[in-house]
C-alpha cells in the first residue's frame, strides 16, 4: 500500500480510530481513579573508607568504595538485609514480597546509595525505607569486618533520613492517560487496516483501479431524492446530480468519437447498481444537446425504463424482434427534445436468444442510421448472459459500478465476461458515491447557459413518420410467445 492508500484508510475509518482512542482514554482514566494511591519514601547512604593515611591512600580508598557500591546496591534486596527490617517493623511479609516494593540505586562515579520504599501509607513507606537503610549499614559492617577481628574498613552512614511524603507517587494519571490513548489509537488503526483488508466492496476509484484501467467517465453521488425523482429533468439544472450526467455525456462523446457505431450498451455487474437510471438520464442529457437519441430497454427480464418515463410497455422491443410490428410504430417520443424510447415489450421466455438474433442486430443498425445516438439499457452481466451477448452487437459498453453494492471479485468477473466476447469497454461510471469523504466525486462548478447551444455538426435526419398515438399503441394489448414463434392478438 502507498501513502495515499493509508491516508484513505484513515479518512474512511476515522470514526473507528477516534472511538478506540477515546475508549483507551476512558479505560486509563477509570483505572487511575480506582487504583489506590501509593507513596514513595527515600533514604540515602554514604559509603566511606575508614582510613587516615596519605592522599594517595584516600584516593585508592575512594576507588575501592565506588567499586564496592554496586555490590552493596545488589545486597539491599537480599534476605540478609530485608529480614532484619521486617523483624524491626513487625511486618507480616516475606523478604521476597518486600523486595518488590524496595528499589536501590547508585549514580555512576558516586559513593551514595539511594533506597526507595513504596507503600500505600506514607508513614509506613518512610519507616520501611529507614529500616532497610539501617539494616544495610549493619549487614555491610558485619560482612566487611575482618575475620581476625577489628573494625570494618567500610563505613555506611545515613546522609538523608527517610521522611513521610506528602504527595502520592502513584498512580501516574498523565502517564496512564497517554498510554491508554496510544493503546487505543494502535487498536483503532489495527482494526481499520483489518477492515480494509477484509472488505472487498468497491467504494471508489481506488478499488476500481485494482481491477481495470478503464476510463472513469464520471461519478454520481448518492441522492436520497433520486428514488422518488430519478430523472435528470426532475433535478435542479445546476444540481450536482445534473452536472454529473452532463460530465458523463461529455466524456462519453470523447471516448466514443473514434467509433463508427453509434450504439452504446449500458450495463452493470449486479442488479441495484443504477444502470437503468444511468442509461435513461444519459439519453436525456444527450437529447438536451440537440441530438436525436433513441433509448432501448433491452432488459427483457426486469424492464424499468417504462416505469421511469411513464410509457407503454406492452408493445416494444420484443414486438419488433418477432416481426409483430414495425419499429417506427413502436418508438415513443418523450420530452421536448429529440428523445425516442423503445420499451421492452412483453417479457419473453428466451431473452438471450432474442437479443443475440440477427433481427436484433438489424434493428440496431437501422436505428443507428436514423438517430444520432442509440443508448441500450441491458441486464446485469453476472446473473444472466444477455448483456454479454448484446455487447457484441454495439459500438461500446459503459459499465455502471454501484459504490458499496459490488465487490472486487464480482467486478473482476464482469470485466472477464466483457473481455471474453471482445467487447469495447468505453469506460465506467461510479454510482451511489458518498457526498463527502475519501470516495466522494467532486466537480468544479462554473456558470453555464441553462440551454446549451445545439451541436452544429452534421446530423442524420430522422425519417419523416407519423408517431402512433397512445390509442393506436394500446392496440398491441399483448404478445404471446411459444418458443421462437409469436402471435399478435388485438383487442
Protein backbone atom coordinates (compact mmCIF):
# COMPACT_ATOMS: atom_id res chain seq x y z
CA UNK A 1 0.00 0.00 0.00
CA UNK A 2 1.16 3.51 -0.81
CA UNK A 3 0.93 6.55 1.43
CA UNK A 4 -2.25 7.69 -0.32
CA UNK A 5 -3.84 4.32 0.43
CA UNK A 6 -3.06 4.65 4.13
CA UNK A 7 -4.47 8.17 4.15
CA UNK A 8 -7.63 6.87 2.51
CA UNK A 9 -7.91 4.18 5.18
CA UNK A 10 -7.62 6.87 7.86
CA UNK A 11 -10.30 9.02 6.24
CA UNK A 12 -12.68 6.10 5.83
CA UNK A 13 -12.22 4.81 9.37
CA UNK A 14 -11.52 7.97 11.34
CA UNK A 15 -14.62 7.45 13.47
CA UNK A 16 -13.48 3.93 14.43
CA UNK A 17 -9.97 5.14 15.20
CA UNK A 18 -11.28 8.04 17.27
CA UNK A 19 -13.69 5.75 19.14
CA UNK A 20 -10.92 3.32 20.11
CA UNK A 21 -8.67 6.21 21.19
CA UNK A 22 -11.43 7.60 23.40
CA UNK A 23 -12.06 4.13 24.78
CA UNK A 24 -8.38 3.85 25.69
CA UNK A 25 -8.53 7.20 27.48
CA UNK A 26 -11.67 6.19 29.38
CA UNK A 27 -10.18 2.87 30.47
CA UNK A 28 -6.96 4.57 31.57
CA UNK A 29 -8.86 7.25 33.49
CA UNK A 30 -11.07 4.66 35.20
CA UNK A 31 -8.06 2.54 36.10
CA UNK A 32 -6.25 5.52 37.60
CA UNK A 33 -9.36 6.55 39.51
CA UNK A 34 -9.86 3.16 41.15
CA UNK A 35 -6.20 2.50 41.90
CA UNK A 36 -5.11 3.09 45.48
CA UNK A 37 -2.58 5.92 45.84
CA UNK A 38 0.96 4.88 46.66
CA UNK A 39 3.71 6.86 48.38
CA UNK A 40 7.46 6.65 47.91
CA UNK A 41 9.94 7.45 50.70
CA UNK A 42 13.69 7.63 50.13
CA UNK A 43 16.81 7.49 52.23
CA UNK A 44 20.43 7.96 51.13
CA UNK A 45 23.57 6.32 52.50
CA UNK A 46 27.19 7.42 52.12
CA UNK A 47 29.90 4.81 51.69
CA UNK A 48 33.30 5.75 53.13
CA UNK A 49 36.63 4.06 53.77
CA UNK A 50 37.89 4.40 57.31
CA UNK A 51 41.48 5.44 56.64
CA UNK A 52 43.63 8.28 57.86
CA UNK A 53 46.53 7.73 55.50
CA UNK A 54 48.01 9.90 52.81
CA UNK A 55 46.20 11.47 49.88
CA UNK A 56 47.21 8.51 47.77
CA UNK A 57 45.66 6.15 50.30
CA UNK A 58 42.48 8.22 50.32
CA UNK A 59 42.35 8.12 46.51
CA UNK A 60 42.71 4.38 46.50
CA UNK A 61 40.07 4.12 49.20
CA UNK A 62 37.62 6.22 47.15
CA UNK A 63 38.16 3.99 44.10
CA UNK A 64 37.63 0.99 46.31
CA UNK A 65 34.39 2.47 47.67
CA UNK A 66 33.00 3.13 44.18
CA UNK A 67 33.78 -0.41 43.17
CA UNK A 68 32.01 -1.79 46.24
CA UNK A 69 28.92 0.42 45.96
CA UNK A 70 27.36 -1.64 43.14
CA UNK A 71 27.73 -4.75 45.27
CA UNK A 72 26.06 -3.01 48.19
CA UNK A 73 23.17 -1.96 45.95
CA UNK A 74 22.58 -5.58 45.00
CA UNK A 75 22.77 -6.57 48.65
CA UNK A 76 19.73 -4.42 49.52
CA UNK A 77 17.32 -6.95 48.04
CA UNK A 78 18.73 -9.95 49.88
CA UNK A 79 17.09 -11.61 52.90
CA UNK A 80 20.17 -10.72 54.96
CA UNK A 81 19.11 -7.05 54.73
CA UNK A 82 15.34 -7.30 54.44
CA UNK A 83 14.60 -9.84 57.17
CA UNK A 84 16.03 -7.67 59.99
CA UNK A 85 13.97 -4.75 58.65
CA UNK A 86 10.83 -6.92 58.67
CA UNK A 87 11.54 -8.04 62.22
CA UNK A 88 12.17 -4.50 63.47
CA UNK A 89 8.89 -3.21 62.00
CA UNK A 90 6.87 -6.30 62.76
CA UNK A 91 5.72 -6.65 59.15
CA UNK A 92 3.71 -9.67 58.07
CA UNK A 93 5.51 -10.28 54.83
CA UNK A 94 8.46 -12.17 53.42
CA UNK A 95 11.76 -10.78 52.11
CA UNK A 96 10.74 -11.80 48.59
CA UNK A 97 7.48 -9.83 48.83
CA UNK A 98 9.14 -6.82 50.45
CA UNK A 99 11.84 -6.71 47.77
CA UNK A 100 9.14 -5.88 45.19
CA UNK A 101 8.46 -2.57 46.94
CA UNK A 102 12.14 -1.72 47.53
CA UNK A 103 14.41 -0.15 44.94
CA UNK A 104 18.09 0.58 45.46
CA UNK A 105 20.27 2.56 43.09
CA UNK A 106 23.52 4.47 42.87
CA UNK A 107 24.70 7.11 40.45
CA UNK A 108 27.84 6.46 38.45
CA UNK A 109 31.10 7.73 39.98
CA UNK A 110 29.46 8.37 43.35
CA UNK A 111 29.51 6.54 46.66
CA UNK A 112 25.91 7.37 47.57
CA UNK A 113 23.28 4.63 47.73
CA UNK A 114 19.60 5.57 47.40
CA UNK A 115 16.97 3.28 48.88
CA UNK A 116 13.30 3.91 47.98
CA UNK A 117 10.32 2.16 49.54
CA UNK A 118 6.76 2.20 48.14
CA UNK A 119 3.66 1.69 50.27
CA UNK A 120 0.03 2.74 50.46
CA UNK A 121 0.83 4.60 53.68
CA UNK A 122 3.32 7.49 53.57
CA UNK A 123 4.40 6.84 57.18
CA UNK A 124 4.86 3.14 56.53
CA UNK A 125 6.89 3.88 53.38
CA UNK A 126 9.24 6.11 55.35
CA UNK A 127 9.58 3.52 58.11
CA UNK A 128 10.41 0.74 55.65
CA UNK A 129 12.99 2.85 53.81
CA UNK A 130 14.69 3.84 57.05
CA UNK A 131 14.62 0.29 58.43
CA UNK A 132 16.13 -1.16 55.25
CA UNK A 133 18.84 1.54 55.28
CA UNK A 134 19.73 0.78 58.90
CA UNK A 135 19.74 -2.94 58.16
CA UNK A 136 22.07 -2.43 55.18
CA UNK A 137 24.51 -0.47 57.38
CA UNK A 138 24.60 -3.26 59.93
CA UNK A 139 24.86 -6.01 57.32
CA UNK A 140 27.76 -4.37 55.43
CA UNK A 141 29.60 -3.69 58.69
CA UNK A 142 29.29 -7.37 59.55
CA UNK A 143 30.28 -8.59 56.08
CA UNK A 144 33.28 -6.26 55.66
CA UNK A 145 34.63 -6.88 59.19
CA UNK A 146 37.98 -8.77 59.09
CA UNK A 147 37.90 -12.41 60.15
CA UNK A 148 40.73 -11.90 62.65
CA UNK A 149 38.74 -9.21 64.38
CA UNK A 150 38.74 -5.49 64.39
CA UNK A 151 36.52 -2.88 62.83
CA UNK A 152 35.26 -2.86 59.24
CA UNK A 153 37.29 -0.74 56.81
CA UNK A 154 33.99 0.39 55.20
CA UNK A 155 31.51 2.59 56.95
CA UNK A 156 28.00 3.41 55.73
CA UNK A 157 26.20 6.39 57.18
CA UNK A 158 22.81 7.98 56.61
CA UNK A 159 23.05 11.33 54.85
CA UNK A 160 19.33 11.74 54.02
CA UNK A 161 16.90 10.25 56.54
CA UNK A 162 13.61 8.95 55.18
CA UNK A 163 10.58 11.18 55.72
CA UNK A 164 6.87 10.62 55.09
CA UNK A 165 5.94 12.01 51.64
CA UNK A 166 3.00 14.39 51.40
CA UNK A 167 2.16 13.75 47.73
CA UNK A 168 1.40 10.30 46.32
CA UNK A 169 3.82 8.99 43.72
CA UNK A 170 1.23 6.83 42.04
CA UNK A 171 -0.81 6.24 40.09
CA UNK A 172 0.70 8.46 37.39
CA UNK A 173 -2.56 9.63 35.82
CA UNK A 174 -0.94 11.56 32.99
CA UNK A 175 1.22 8.62 32.01
CA UNK A 176 -1.72 6.25 32.22
CA UNK A 177 -3.86 8.52 30.00
CA UNK A 178 -1.07 8.81 27.46
CA UNK A 179 -0.55 5.05 27.39
CA UNK A 180 -4.31 4.47 27.16
CA UNK A 181 -4.63 6.87 24.23
CA UNK A 182 -1.68 5.26 22.44
CA UNK A 183 -3.03 1.77 23.03
CA UNK A 184 -6.49 2.80 21.82
CA UNK A 185 -5.03 4.51 18.77
CA UNK A 186 -2.98 1.44 17.90
CA UNK A 187 -6.02 -0.80 18.32
CA UNK A 188 -8.12 1.54 16.18
CA UNK A 189 -5.51 1.62 13.42
CA UNK A 190 -5.21 -2.16 13.52
CA UNK A 191 -8.97 -2.53 13.29
CA UNK A 192 -9.13 -0.07 10.38
CA UNK A 193 -6.41 -1.91 8.45
CA UNK A 194 -8.06 -5.26 9.14
CA UNK A 195 -11.44 -3.97 7.96
CA UNK A 196 -9.87 -2.56 4.82
CA UNK A 197 -8.07 -5.82 4.12
CA UNK A 198 -11.17 -7.96 4.59
CA UNK A 199 -13.57 -5.52 2.91
CA UNK A 200 -13.71 -6.22 -0.83
CA UNK A 201 -16.53 -3.82 -1.67
CA UNK A 202 -15.96 -1.28 -4.41
CA UNK A 203 -16.26 2.10 -2.71
CA UNK A 204 -14.47 4.42 -5.08
CA UNK A 205 -11.95 4.88 -7.84
CA UNK A 206 -9.09 3.40 -5.80
CA UNK A 207 -10.76 -0.03 -5.72
CA UNK A 208 -11.73 0.15 -9.39
CA UNK A 209 -8.11 0.74 -10.30
CA UNK A 210 -7.18 -2.59 -8.72
CA UNK A 211 -9.20 -4.35 -11.40
CA UNK A 212 -9.15 -2.19 -14.51
CA UNK A 213 -7.50 0.82 -16.07
CA UNK A 214 -10.68 1.72 -17.96
CA UNK A 215 -11.55 5.39 -18.16
CA UNK A 216 -13.69 6.83 -15.39
CA UNK A 217 -16.42 8.60 -17.32
CA UNK A 218 -17.79 10.21 -14.18
CA UNK A 219 -19.22 9.73 -10.75
CA UNK A 220 -22.74 10.17 -9.42
CA UNK A 221 -23.19 10.97 -5.75
CA UNK A 222 -25.89 9.31 -3.72
CA UNK A 223 -29.06 11.38 -3.59
CA UNK A 224 -31.88 10.42 -1.27
CA UNK A 225 -34.40 12.14 -3.55
CA UNK A 226 -33.30 10.10 -6.57
CA UNK A 227 -35.54 7.22 -5.52
CA UNK A 228 -38.64 9.37 -5.89
CA UNK A 229 -37.23 11.65 -8.60
CA UNK A 230 -34.79 9.54 -10.64
CA UNK A 231 -34.85 11.57 -13.86
CA UNK A 232 -32.40 14.28 -14.82
CA UNK A 233 -35.27 16.61 -15.67
CA UNK A 234 -36.62 16.31 -12.12
CA UNK A 235 -33.41 17.66 -10.56
CA UNK A 236 -32.41 21.34 -10.46
CA UNK A 237 -30.46 22.38 -13.53
CA UNK A 238 -27.32 23.23 -11.55
CA UNK A 239 -27.53 20.41 -9.02
CA UNK A 240 -24.54 18.06 -8.58
CA UNK A 241 -26.63 15.18 -9.93
CA UNK A 242 -27.49 17.05 -13.13
CA UNK A 243 -23.91 18.17 -13.60
CA UNK A 244 -22.71 14.60 -13.11
CA UNK A 245 -24.71 13.31 -16.06
CA UNK A 246 -23.59 16.21 -18.23
CA UNK A 247 -20.00 15.37 -17.49
CA UNK A 248 -20.59 11.68 -18.22
CA UNK A 249 -22.24 12.68 -21.51
CA UNK A 250 -19.26 14.84 -22.49
CA UNK A 251 -16.66 12.23 -21.52
CA UNK A 252 -18.60 9.52 -23.34
CA UNK A 253 -18.62 11.58 -26.52
CA UNK A 254 -14.83 11.83 -26.37
CA UNK A 255 -14.48 8.12 -25.58
CA UNK A 256 -16.82 7.19 -28.45
CA UNK A 257 -15.53 9.66 -31.03
CA UNK A 258 -13.47 7.11 -33.00
CA UNK A 259 -16.25 4.51 -33.24
CA UNK A 260 -18.33 4.11 -36.34
CA UNK A 261 -21.17 2.52 -34.42
CA UNK A 262 -23.47 4.89 -32.57
CA UNK A 263 -24.87 2.23 -30.23
CA UNK A 264 -23.74 2.26 -26.59
CA UNK A 265 -24.67 -0.51 -24.17
CA UNK A 266 -25.14 0.41 -20.50
CA UNK A 267 -24.87 -2.47 -18.03
CA UNK A 268 -23.62 -3.35 -14.55
CA UNK A 269 -22.32 -6.36 -12.65
CA UNK A 270 -25.32 -6.89 -10.38
CA UNK A 271 -28.86 -5.55 -10.03
CA UNK A 272 -29.31 -2.41 -7.95
CA UNK A 273 -26.24 -0.53 -9.14
CA UNK A 274 -28.25 2.09 -11.03
CA UNK A 275 -27.66 1.09 -14.66
CA UNK A 276 -31.23 1.87 -15.81
CA UNK A 277 -31.32 5.35 -14.30
CA UNK A 278 -27.84 6.00 -15.70
CA UNK A 279 -28.86 4.89 -19.21
CA UNK A 280 -32.11 6.88 -19.07
CA UNK A 281 -30.53 10.08 -17.80
CA UNK A 282 -27.62 9.73 -20.20
CA UNK A 283 -30.09 9.55 -23.09
CA UNK A 284 -31.93 12.60 -21.76
CA UNK A 285 -28.66 14.54 -21.34
CA UNK A 286 -27.61 13.72 -24.91
CA UNK A 287 -31.02 14.74 -26.26
CA UNK A 288 -30.72 18.08 -24.47
CA UNK A 289 -27.73 18.94 -26.68
CA UNK A 290 -29.91 18.73 -29.76
CA UNK A 291 -29.08 15.19 -30.82
CA UNK A 292 -31.72 12.71 -31.84
CA UNK A 293 -31.45 9.84 -29.39
CA UNK A 294 -33.22 6.53 -29.07
CA UNK A 295 -33.28 4.70 -25.73
CA UNK A 296 -33.86 0.94 -25.94
CA UNK A 297 -34.96 -1.04 -22.90
CA UNK A 298 -33.19 -4.34 -23.60
CA UNK A 299 -33.55 -5.62 -20.05
CA UNK A 300 -36.10 -8.26 -21.01
CA UNK A 301 -36.15 -9.76 -17.53
CA UNK A 302 -36.76 -6.75 -15.28
CA UNK A 303 -37.62 -3.79 -17.55
CA UNK A 304 -37.84 -0.43 -15.76
CA UNK A 305 -37.48 2.29 -18.39
CA UNK A 306 -41.25 2.48 -18.98
CA UNK A 307 -41.82 2.98 -15.24
CA UNK A 308 -39.35 5.86 -15.06
CA UNK A 309 -40.64 7.61 -18.17
CA UNK A 310 -44.32 6.75 -17.82
CA UNK A 311 -44.61 4.98 -21.19
CA UNK A 312 -46.46 1.98 -22.58
CA UNK A 313 -44.55 -1.29 -22.27
CA UNK A 314 -46.83 -3.91 -23.84
CA UNK A 315 -45.55 -3.16 -27.33
CA UNK A 316 -41.85 -2.55 -27.75
CA UNK A 317 -38.54 -4.28 -28.47
CA UNK A 318 -39.79 -7.86 -28.37
CA UNK A 319 -42.74 -6.87 -30.56
CA UNK A 320 -40.31 -5.62 -33.21
CA UNK A 321 -37.95 -8.59 -32.91
CA UNK A 322 -40.70 -11.14 -33.62
CA UNK A 323 -41.94 -9.07 -36.53
CA UNK A 324 -45.32 -8.29 -34.99
CA UNK A 325 -44.98 -4.56 -35.74
CA UNK A 326 -42.66 -2.10 -37.45
CA UNK A 327 -40.19 -0.37 -35.17
CA UNK A 328 -41.32 3.02 -36.48
CA UNK A 329 -44.73 2.35 -34.96
CA UNK A 330 -43.24 1.26 -31.64
CA UNK A 331 -40.97 4.22 -30.92
CA UNK A 332 -42.46 6.56 -28.33
CA UNK A 333 -41.35 10.22 -28.18
CA UNK A 334 -40.53 11.62 -24.77
CA UNK A 335 -39.96 15.18 -23.63
CA UNK A 336 -39.42 18.32 -25.65
CA UNK A 337 -36.11 17.20 -27.20
CA UNK A 338 -35.31 14.56 -29.79
CA UNK A 339 -35.58 11.58 -27.45
CA UNK A 340 -37.44 8.46 -28.54
CA UNK A 341 -37.90 5.35 -26.44
CA UNK A 342 -38.31 1.72 -27.45
CA UNK A 343 -39.66 -0.03 -24.37
CA UNK A 344 -39.09 -3.70 -23.71
CA UNK A 345 -42.45 -5.05 -24.81
CA UNK A 346 -43.79 -8.28 -23.41
CA UNK A 347 -41.27 -10.29 -21.37
CA UNK A 348 -40.26 -13.38 -23.42
CA UNK A 349 -39.13 -16.80 -22.20
CA UNK A 350 -35.94 -16.63 -24.30
CA UNK A 351 -34.35 -13.17 -23.81
CA UNK A 352 -30.79 -14.23 -24.65
CA UNK A 353 -31.83 -15.79 -27.96
CA UNK A 354 -33.81 -12.71 -28.97
CA UNK A 355 -31.02 -10.27 -28.05
CA UNK A 356 -28.41 -12.33 -29.89
CA UNK A 357 -30.54 -12.80 -33.01
CA UNK A 358 -29.94 -11.32 -36.44
CA UNK A 359 -33.16 -9.38 -36.01
CA UNK A 360 -31.66 -7.54 -33.03
CA UNK A 361 -28.51 -6.74 -34.94
CA UNK A 362 -30.52 -5.49 -37.89
CA UNK A 363 -32.71 -3.40 -35.58
CA UNK A 364 -29.68 -1.70 -34.03
CA UNK A 365 -28.23 -0.99 -37.47
CA UNK A 366 -31.49 0.59 -38.66
CA UNK A 367 -31.73 2.77 -35.59
CA UNK A 368 -28.12 3.89 -35.97
CA UNK A 369 -28.93 5.13 -39.44
CA UNK A 370 -31.92 7.11 -38.20
CA UNK A 371 -30.60 8.56 -34.93
CA UNK A 372 -27.51 10.36 -33.74
CA UNK A 373 -27.13 8.07 -30.73
CA UNK A 374 -28.52 4.71 -29.60
CA UNK A 375 -28.47 4.02 -25.85
CA UNK A 376 -29.31 0.46 -24.79
CA UNK A 377 -30.19 -0.49 -21.23
CA UNK A 378 -29.07 -4.12 -20.79
CA UNK A 379 -29.43 -6.63 -17.93
CA UNK A 380 -26.57 -7.09 -15.42
CA UNK A 381 -23.59 -9.14 -16.57
CA UNK A 382 -23.29 -11.70 -13.79
CA UNK A 383 -26.80 -13.08 -13.26
CA UNK A 384 -27.52 -13.66 -16.98
CA UNK A 385 -25.66 -13.70 -20.30
CA UNK A 386 -27.93 -11.20 -22.05
CA UNK A 387 -25.56 -8.24 -21.72
CA UNK A 388 -22.53 -10.23 -22.89
CA UNK A 389 -24.46 -11.44 -25.94
CA UNK A 390 -25.68 -7.94 -26.75
CA UNK A 391 -22.23 -6.38 -26.19
CA UNK A 392 -21.02 -8.00 -29.41
CA UNK A 393 -23.54 -6.02 -31.47
CA UNK A 394 -22.83 -2.49 -30.23
CA UNK A 395 -20.04 0.02 -30.65
CA UNK A 396 -19.12 0.21 -26.99
CA UNK A 397 -20.06 -0.67 -23.43
CA UNK A 398 -20.44 1.54 -20.39
CA UNK A 399 -20.20 -0.33 -17.08
CA UNK A 400 -22.02 1.18 -14.11
CA UNK A 401 -20.44 0.40 -10.72
CA UNK A 402 -22.52 0.99 -7.61
CA UNK A 403 -20.44 2.10 -4.65
CA UNK A 404 -20.68 -0.46 -1.82
CA UNK A 405 -23.03 -2.54 -3.99
CA UNK A 406 -20.50 -4.72 -5.79
CA UNK A 407 -17.33 -6.46 -4.62
CA UNK A 408 -13.93 -6.77 -6.25
CA UNK A 409 -14.41 -10.42 -7.31
CA UNK A 410 -17.74 -9.51 -8.95
CA UNK A 411 -16.15 -6.67 -10.89
CA UNK A 412 -13.33 -8.95 -11.99
CA UNK A 413 -15.87 -11.47 -13.29
CA UNK A 414 -17.71 -8.72 -15.18
CA UNK A 415 -14.52 -7.49 -16.80
CA UNK A 416 -13.63 -11.07 -17.74
CA UNK A 417 -17.07 -11.57 -19.30
CA UNK A 418 -16.65 -8.45 -21.45
CA UNK A 419 -13.11 -9.45 -22.46
CA UNK A 420 -14.32 -12.92 -23.43
CA UNK A 421 -16.74 -11.50 -26.01
CA UNK A 422 -14.15 -8.87 -27.05
CA UNK A 423 -16.46 -6.03 -26.07
CA UNK A 424 -15.14 -2.49 -26.34
CA UNK A 425 -15.35 -1.02 -22.84
CA UNK A 426 -15.64 2.74 -23.27
CA UNK A 427 -15.39 3.40 -19.54
CA UNK A 428 -17.06 3.01 -16.19
CA UNK A 429 -19.47 5.19 -14.25
CA UNK A 430 -19.21 5.26 -10.47
CA UNK A 431 -22.69 5.49 -8.98
CA UNK A 432 -24.07 5.94 -5.45
CA UNK A 433 -20.88 7.62 -4.27
CA UNK A 434 -20.92 9.36 -0.88
CA UNK A 435 -21.32 13.14 -0.90
CA UNK A 436 -18.31 13.59 1.39
CA UNK A 437 -15.26 11.61 2.34
CA UNK A 438 -12.35 9.98 0.50
CA UNK A 439 -14.61 8.33 -2.09
CA UNK A 440 -16.65 11.43 -2.96
CA UNK A 441 -16.51 12.51 -6.58
CA UNK A 442 -16.04 16.29 -6.69
CA UNK A 443 -16.74 18.67 -9.52
CA UNK A 444 -15.71 22.21 -10.19
CA UNK A 445 -18.78 24.26 -10.97
CA UNK A 446 -18.78 27.10 -13.43
CA UNK A 447 -21.58 29.26 -14.71
CA UNK A 448 -23.08 27.94 -17.88
CA UNK A 449 -26.07 28.50 -20.13
CA UNK A 450 -29.05 26.51 -18.93
CA UNK A 451 -29.98 26.00 -22.60
CA UNK A 452 -26.70 24.94 -24.25
CA UNK A 453 -26.25 25.68 -27.90
CA UNK A 454 -27.16 22.83 -30.15
CA UNK A 455 -24.41 20.97 -31.89
CA UNK A 456 -23.63 22.39 -35.30
CA UNK A 457 -22.29 19.09 -36.61
CA UNK A 458 -23.90 17.18 -39.43
CA UNK A 459 -26.94 15.24 -38.25
CA UNK A 460 -28.53 12.18 -39.74
CA UNK A 461 -32.10 13.25 -40.40
CA UNK A 462 -34.81 11.38 -38.60
CA UNK A 463 -37.11 9.83 -41.20
CA UNK A 464 -40.43 11.61 -41.52
CA UNK A 465 -43.02 9.42 -39.96
CA UNK A 466 -46.19 9.74 -38.01
CA UNK A 467 -45.69 8.52 -34.46
CA UNK A 468 -48.55 6.30 -33.27
CA UNK A 469 -50.90 7.90 -30.80
CA UNK A 470 -51.39 6.35 -27.35
CA UNK A 471 -54.72 4.97 -28.52
CA UNK A 472 -53.12 3.28 -31.50
CA UNK A 473 -50.33 1.85 -29.32
CA UNK A 474 -52.85 0.32 -26.98
CA UNK A 475 -53.98 -1.93 -29.83
CA UNK A 476 -50.93 -4.03 -29.06
CA UNK A 477 -52.52 -5.47 -25.98
CA UNK A 478 -50.32 -8.48 -25.58
CA UNK A 479 -47.87 -10.72 -27.37
CA UNK A 480 -47.94 -14.45 -26.67
CA UNK A 481 -44.66 -16.35 -27.15
CA UNK A 482 -44.36 -20.05 -27.93
CA UNK A 483 -40.66 -20.87 -28.21
CA UNK A 484 -39.35 -18.94 -31.24
CA UNK A 485 -42.84 -18.22 -32.63
CA UNK A 486 -45.15 -15.47 -31.56
CA UNK A 487 -48.58 -14.29 -32.48
CA UNK A 488 -50.08 -10.87 -32.02
CA UNK A 489 -53.53 -10.63 -30.59
CA UNK A 490 -55.55 -7.43 -31.00
CA UNK A 491 -58.40 -6.48 -28.85
